[in-house]
Amino acid sequence: KMRWESRAQRELVVEGSSFELEARLGTWVPGELELGTSGRFANGVSREFMDRVLDLCQGWGDWSATEGWREMHDFIFRIGNAQVRTTVGFDPATGEASSRTVHKK
């Protein structure tokens, strides 16, 4: 059973608001004291790890949804001085993929 922090939190969910589960997955790379570098987060995990995370999420009985799982991947890069983000989505139920690119100033 889900435990709610407050009545307001429960009402927000029950009233049909849309929620999204977003996670940033990767590994912690420790710094090297002798080189004077600090630790950093390295983006990315293996496909096997991601499949395991999805299996665990799909196996949890307390989820409720109006749609199935969709995978979304953001790729952030630069073209000249502009930051660009391309979001690629994949719906495993239909096998359809889509993408959207946003140029930030």
N, C-alpha and C. Protein backbone atom coordinates (compact mmCIF):
# COMPACT_ATOMS: atom_id res chain seq x y z
N LYS A 1 0.84 -1.20 0.00
CA LYS A 1 0.00 0.00 0.00
C LYS A 1 0.86 1.24 0.00
N MET A 2 0.45 2.23 -0.73
CA MET A 2 1.16 3.50 -0.79
C MET A 2 0.88 4.31 0.47
N ARG A 3 1.93 4.89 1.04
CA ARG A 3 1.76 5.78 2.19
C ARG A 3 1.94 7.21 1.69
N TRP A 4 1.00 8.05 2.04
CA TRP A 4 1.01 9.43 1.59
C TRP A 4 1.58 10.31 2.69
N GLU A 5 2.39 11.28 2.30
CA GLU A 5 2.97 12.23 3.25
C GLU A 5 1.90 13.16 3.81
N SER A 6 0.91 13.46 3.01
CA SER A 6 -0.13 14.38 3.46
C SER A 6 -1.41 14.13 2.69
N ARG A 7 -2.50 14.65 3.21
CA ARG A 7 -3.79 14.54 2.52
C ARG A 7 -3.73 15.27 1.18
N ALA A 8 -3.05 16.41 1.17
CA ALA A 8 -2.93 17.19 -0.07
C ALA A 8 -2.21 16.38 -1.15
N GLN A 9 -1.18 15.64 -0.76
CA GLN A 9 -0.45 14.82 -1.72
C GLN A 9 -1.38 13.75 -2.29
N ARG A 10 -2.14 13.09 -1.43
CA ARG A 10 -3.08 12.06 -1.88
C ARG A 10 -4.12 12.65 -2.82
N GLU A 11 -4.67 13.80 -2.49
CA GLU A 11 -5.68 14.42 -3.33
C GLU A 11 -5.12 14.80 -4.69
N LEU A 12 -3.88 15.25 -4.71
CA LEU A 12 -3.25 15.63 -5.98
C LEU A 12 -3.17 14.42 -6.91
N VAL A 13 -2.80 13.27 -6.39
CA VAL A 13 -2.69 12.06 -7.20
C VAL A 13 -4.08 11.54 -7.57
N VAL A 14 -4.98 11.49 -6.61
CA VAL A 14 -6.30 10.93 -6.85
C VAL A 14 -7.10 11.76 -7.84
N GLU A 15 -6.87 13.06 -7.88
CA GLU A 15 -7.62 13.92 -8.79
C GLU A 15 -7.19 13.76 -10.24
N GLY A 16 -6.27 12.86 -10.51
CA GLY A 16 -5.93 12.53 -11.89
C GLY A 16 -4.81 13.37 -12.49
N SER A 17 -4.01 14.00 -11.66
CA SER A 17 -2.88 14.75 -12.19
C SER A 17 -1.93 13.78 -12.90
N SER A 18 -1.20 14.30 -13.83
CA SER A 18 -0.26 13.48 -14.59
C SER A 18 1.11 13.51 -13.91
N PHE A 19 1.69 12.33 -13.72
CA PHE A 19 3.02 12.24 -13.12
C PHE A 19 3.94 11.49 -14.05
N GLU A 20 5.21 11.78 -13.90
CA GLU A 20 6.23 11.16 -14.74
C GLU A 20 7.35 10.68 -13.83
N LEU A 21 7.83 9.49 -14.07
CA LEU A 21 8.98 8.97 -13.35
C LEU A 21 10.20 9.24 -14.21
N GLU A 22 11.12 10.01 -13.67
CA GLU A 22 12.33 10.34 -14.42
C GLU A 22 13.53 9.98 -13.56
N ALA A 23 14.48 9.33 -14.17
CA ALA A 23 15.68 8.92 -13.44
C ALA A 23 16.91 9.23 -14.28
N ARG A 24 17.95 9.64 -13.62
CA ARG A 24 19.25 9.84 -14.27
C ARG A 24 20.13 8.71 -13.80
N LEU A 25 20.47 7.82 -14.70
CA LEU A 25 21.21 6.62 -14.34
C LEU A 25 22.64 6.71 -14.83
N GLY A 26 23.53 6.22 -14.01
CA GLY A 26 24.94 6.23 -14.37
C GLY A 26 25.75 5.67 -13.22
N THR A 27 27.01 6.04 -13.20
CA THR A 27 27.91 5.56 -12.15
C THR A 27 28.70 6.74 -11.58
N TRP A 28 29.17 6.56 -10.35
CA TRP A 28 30.00 7.57 -9.71
C TRP A 28 31.46 7.21 -9.97
N VAL A 29 32.19 8.13 -10.55
CA VAL A 29 33.61 7.94 -10.83
C VAL A 29 34.38 8.74 -9.79
N PRO A 30 35.09 8.06 -8.89
CA PRO A 30 35.81 8.79 -7.85
C PRO A 30 36.95 9.63 -8.42
N GLY A 31 37.25 10.72 -7.73
CA GLY A 31 38.38 11.56 -8.13
C GLY A 31 39.70 10.93 -7.70
N GLU A 32 40.76 11.54 -8.16
CA GLU A 32 42.10 11.06 -7.79
C GLU A 32 42.79 12.15 -6.99
N LEU A 33 42.99 11.87 -5.72
CA LEU A 33 43.55 12.85 -4.80
C LEU A 33 44.91 13.38 -5.29
N GLU A 34 45.75 12.48 -5.75
CA GLU A 34 47.09 12.89 -6.19
C GLU A 34 47.05 13.79 -7.43
N LEU A 35 46.00 13.68 -8.21
CA LEU A 35 45.85 14.54 -9.39
C LEU A 35 45.02 15.78 -9.09
N GLY A 36 44.42 15.82 -7.88
CA GLY A 36 43.61 16.97 -7.50
C GLY A 36 42.26 17.02 -8.18
N THR A 37 41.77 15.87 -8.64
CA THR A 37 40.47 15.84 -9.30
C THR A 37 39.39 15.37 -8.33
N SER A 38 38.19 15.90 -8.52
CA SER A 38 37.08 15.47 -7.67
C SER A 38 36.27 14.41 -8.41
N GLY A 39 35.42 13.72 -7.67
CA GLY A 39 34.57 12.71 -8.28
C GLY A 39 33.56 13.34 -9.22
N ARG A 40 33.01 12.52 -10.09
CA ARG A 40 32.03 13.02 -11.05
C ARG A 40 31.03 11.92 -11.37
N PHE A 41 29.88 12.32 -11.86
CA PHE A 41 28.84 11.40 -12.29
C PHE A 41 29.03 11.13 -13.77
N ALA A 42 29.06 9.87 -14.15
CA ALA A 42 29.18 9.50 -15.56
C ALA A 42 27.84 8.94 -16.03
N ASN A 43 27.23 9.60 -17.00
CA ASN A 43 25.93 9.17 -17.52
C ASN A 43 26.03 7.81 -18.19
N GLY A 44 24.91 7.09 -18.16
CA GLY A 44 24.79 5.88 -18.94
C GLY A 44 24.91 4.60 -18.15
N VAL A 45 24.12 3.61 -18.56
CA VAL A 45 24.16 2.27 -17.99
C VAL A 45 24.03 1.28 -19.14
N SER A 46 24.30 0.03 -18.85
CA SER A 46 24.20 -0.99 -19.90
C SER A 46 22.74 -1.28 -20.23
N ARG A 47 22.51 -1.85 -21.39
CA ARG A 47 21.16 -2.23 -21.79
C ARG A 47 20.60 -3.27 -20.82
N GLU A 48 21.46 -4.17 -20.37
CA GLU A 48 21.03 -5.22 -19.43
C GLU A 48 20.55 -4.60 -18.12
N PHE A 49 21.28 -3.59 -17.63
CA PHE A 49 20.88 -2.91 -16.39
C PHE A 49 19.53 -2.21 -16.58
N MET A 50 19.36 -1.52 -17.70
CA MET A 50 18.11 -0.81 -17.96
C MET A 50 16.95 -1.79 -18.08
N ASP A 51 17.16 -2.92 -18.74
CA ASP A 51 16.11 -3.93 -18.85
C ASP A 51 15.72 -4.45 -17.47
N ARG A 52 16.70 -4.61 -16.58
CA ARG A 52 16.41 -5.08 -15.22
C ARG A 52 15.58 -4.04 -14.46
N VAL A 53 15.93 -2.76 -14.59
CA VAL A 53 15.16 -1.69 -13.94
C VAL A 53 13.72 -1.71 -14.45
N LEU A 54 13.53 -1.82 -15.75
CA LEU A 54 12.18 -1.86 -16.32
C LEU A 54 11.40 -3.08 -15.84
N ASP A 55 12.07 -4.23 -15.76
CA ASP A 55 11.40 -5.44 -15.25
C ASP A 55 10.94 -5.25 -13.81
N LEU A 56 11.78 -4.64 -12.99
CA LEU A 56 11.41 -4.39 -11.59
C LEU A 56 10.23 -3.43 -11.50
N CYS A 57 10.25 -2.38 -12.31
CA CYS A 57 9.15 -1.41 -12.30
C CYS A 57 7.85 -2.05 -12.78
N GLN A 58 7.93 -2.84 -13.83
CA GLN A 58 6.73 -3.47 -14.36
C GLN A 58 6.17 -4.53 -13.42
N GLY A 59 7.03 -5.12 -12.60
CA GLY A 59 6.59 -6.16 -11.68
C GLY A 59 6.00 -5.63 -10.39
N TRP A 60 6.11 -4.33 -10.14
CA TRP A 60 5.58 -3.76 -8.90
C TRP A 60 4.08 -3.58 -9.04
N GLY A 61 3.32 -4.19 -8.14
CA GLY A 61 1.88 -4.23 -8.26
C GLY A 61 1.14 -2.95 -7.91
N ASP A 62 1.80 -1.97 -7.32
CA ASP A 62 1.11 -0.75 -6.89
C ASP A 62 1.04 0.34 -7.95
N TRP A 63 1.61 0.10 -9.12
CA TRP A 63 1.49 1.10 -10.18
C TRP A 63 0.07 1.09 -10.71
N SER A 64 -0.38 2.22 -11.15
CA SER A 64 -1.60 2.26 -11.94
C SER A 64 -1.34 3.24 -13.08
N ALA A 65 -1.85 2.91 -14.24
CA ALA A 65 -1.58 3.77 -15.39
C ALA A 65 -2.69 3.63 -16.42
N THR A 66 -2.84 4.66 -17.22
CA THR A 66 -3.80 4.61 -18.31
C THR A 66 -3.11 4.18 -19.60
N GLU A 67 -1.78 4.21 -19.60
CA GLU A 67 -0.99 3.80 -20.76
C GLU A 67 0.12 2.88 -20.29
N GLY A 68 0.73 2.17 -21.24
CA GLY A 68 1.87 1.32 -20.91
C GLY A 68 3.16 2.13 -20.81
N TRP A 69 4.24 1.43 -20.55
CA TRP A 69 5.56 2.07 -20.44
C TRP A 69 6.01 2.58 -21.80
N ARG A 70 6.66 3.72 -21.78
CA ARG A 70 7.32 4.26 -22.96
C ARG A 70 8.73 4.63 -22.56
N GLU A 71 9.68 4.32 -23.39
CA GLU A 71 11.06 4.69 -23.12
C GLU A 71 11.37 6.01 -23.81
N MET A 72 12.03 6.90 -23.09
CA MET A 72 12.43 8.19 -23.64
C MET A 72 13.92 8.36 -23.36
N HIS A 73 14.66 8.78 -24.37
CA HIS A 73 16.09 9.01 -24.22
C HIS A 73 16.41 10.41 -24.72
N ASP A 74 17.10 11.18 -23.90
CA ASP A 74 17.52 12.52 -24.29
C ASP A 74 18.99 12.50 -24.68
N PHE A 75 19.29 13.10 -25.83
CA PHE A 75 20.66 13.25 -26.29
C PHE A 75 20.93 14.75 -26.36
N ILE A 76 21.91 15.20 -25.58
CA ILE A 76 22.22 16.63 -25.50
C ILE A 76 23.59 16.85 -26.12
N PHE A 77 23.66 17.82 -27.04
CA PHE A 77 24.91 18.09 -27.74
C PHE A 77 24.93 19.54 -28.19
N ARG A 78 26.01 19.95 -28.80
CA ARG A 78 26.15 21.32 -29.29
C ARG A 78 26.33 21.33 -30.80
N ILE A 79 25.72 22.33 -31.42
CA ILE A 79 25.97 22.64 -32.84
C ILE A 79 26.40 24.10 -32.83
N GLY A 80 27.68 24.33 -33.07
CA GLY A 80 28.22 25.68 -32.94
C GLY A 80 28.10 26.12 -31.49
N ASN A 81 27.46 27.27 -31.26
CA ASN A 81 27.27 27.77 -29.89
C ASN A 81 25.91 27.39 -29.31
N ALA A 82 25.09 26.70 -30.08
CA ALA A 82 23.74 26.36 -29.63
C ALA A 82 23.71 24.98 -28.97
N GLN A 83 23.03 24.91 -27.83
CA GLN A 83 22.80 23.61 -27.20
C GLN A 83 21.56 22.99 -27.83
N VAL A 84 21.66 21.72 -28.16
CA VAL A 84 20.58 21.01 -28.84
C VAL A 84 20.22 19.77 -28.03
N ARG A 85 18.92 19.50 -27.91
CA ARG A 85 18.47 18.28 -27.25
C ARG A 85 17.52 17.55 -28.18
N THR A 86 17.86 16.30 -28.46
CA THR A 86 16.96 15.44 -29.22
C THR A 86 16.40 14.39 -28.29
N THR A 87 15.08 14.32 -28.22
CA THR A 87 14.41 13.32 -27.40
C THR A 87 13.88 12.24 -28.33
N VAL A 88 14.28 11.00 -28.06
CA VAL A 88 13.82 9.86 -28.84
C VAL A 88 12.93 9.02 -27.95
N GLY A 89 11.74 8.71 -28.44
CA GLY A 89 10.80 7.89 -27.69
C GLY A 89 10.53 6.58 -28.39
N PHE A 90 10.30 5.56 -27.58
CA PHE A 90 9.99 4.25 -28.12
C PHE A 90 8.85 3.64 -27.31
N ASP A 91 7.81 3.20 -27.98
CA ASP A 91 6.69 2.54 -27.33
C ASP A 91 6.79 1.05 -27.61
N PRO A 92 7.18 0.25 -26.59
CA PRO A 92 7.37 -1.18 -26.84
C PRO A 92 6.08 -1.91 -27.21
N ALA A 93 4.93 -1.36 -26.83
CA ALA A 93 3.66 -2.01 -27.15
C ALA A 93 3.36 -1.97 -28.65
N THR A 94 3.74 -0.86 -29.30
CA THR A 94 3.43 -0.71 -30.72
C THR A 94 4.66 -0.86 -31.62
N GLY A 95 5.85 -0.73 -31.02
CA GLY A 95 7.08 -0.77 -31.80
C GLY A 95 7.37 0.54 -32.51
N GLU A 96 6.60 1.59 -32.20
CA GLU A 96 6.77 2.88 -32.87
C GLU A 96 7.82 3.73 -32.14
N ALA A 97 8.58 4.45 -32.92
CA ALA A 97 9.59 5.37 -32.38
C ALA A 97 9.28 6.77 -32.89
N SER A 98 9.65 7.77 -32.09
CA SER A 98 9.47 9.15 -32.50
C SER A 98 10.64 9.96 -31.97
N SER A 99 10.83 11.14 -32.54
CA SER A 99 11.91 12.01 -32.04
C SER A 99 11.47 13.48 -32.16
N ARG A 100 12.09 14.28 -31.31
CA ARG A 100 11.83 15.72 -31.33
C ARG A 100 13.14 16.42 -30.96
N THR A 101 13.49 17.45 -31.71
CA THR A 101 14.73 18.18 -31.46
C THR A 101 14.41 19.61 -31.09
N VAL A 102 15.07 20.07 -30.03
CA VAL A 102 14.88 21.43 -29.53
C VAL A 102 16.23 22.13 -29.53
N HIS A 103 16.30 23.31 -30.14
CA HIS A 103 17.51 24.13 -30.15
C HIS A 103 17.35 25.19 -29.06
N LYS A 104 18.29 25.18 -28.09
CA LYS A 104 18.26 26.17 -27.02
C LYS A 104 19.23 27.28 -27.36
N LYS A 105 18.92 28.47 -26.90
CA LYS A 105 19.79 29.61 -27.19
C LYS A 105 20.77 29.83 -26.09
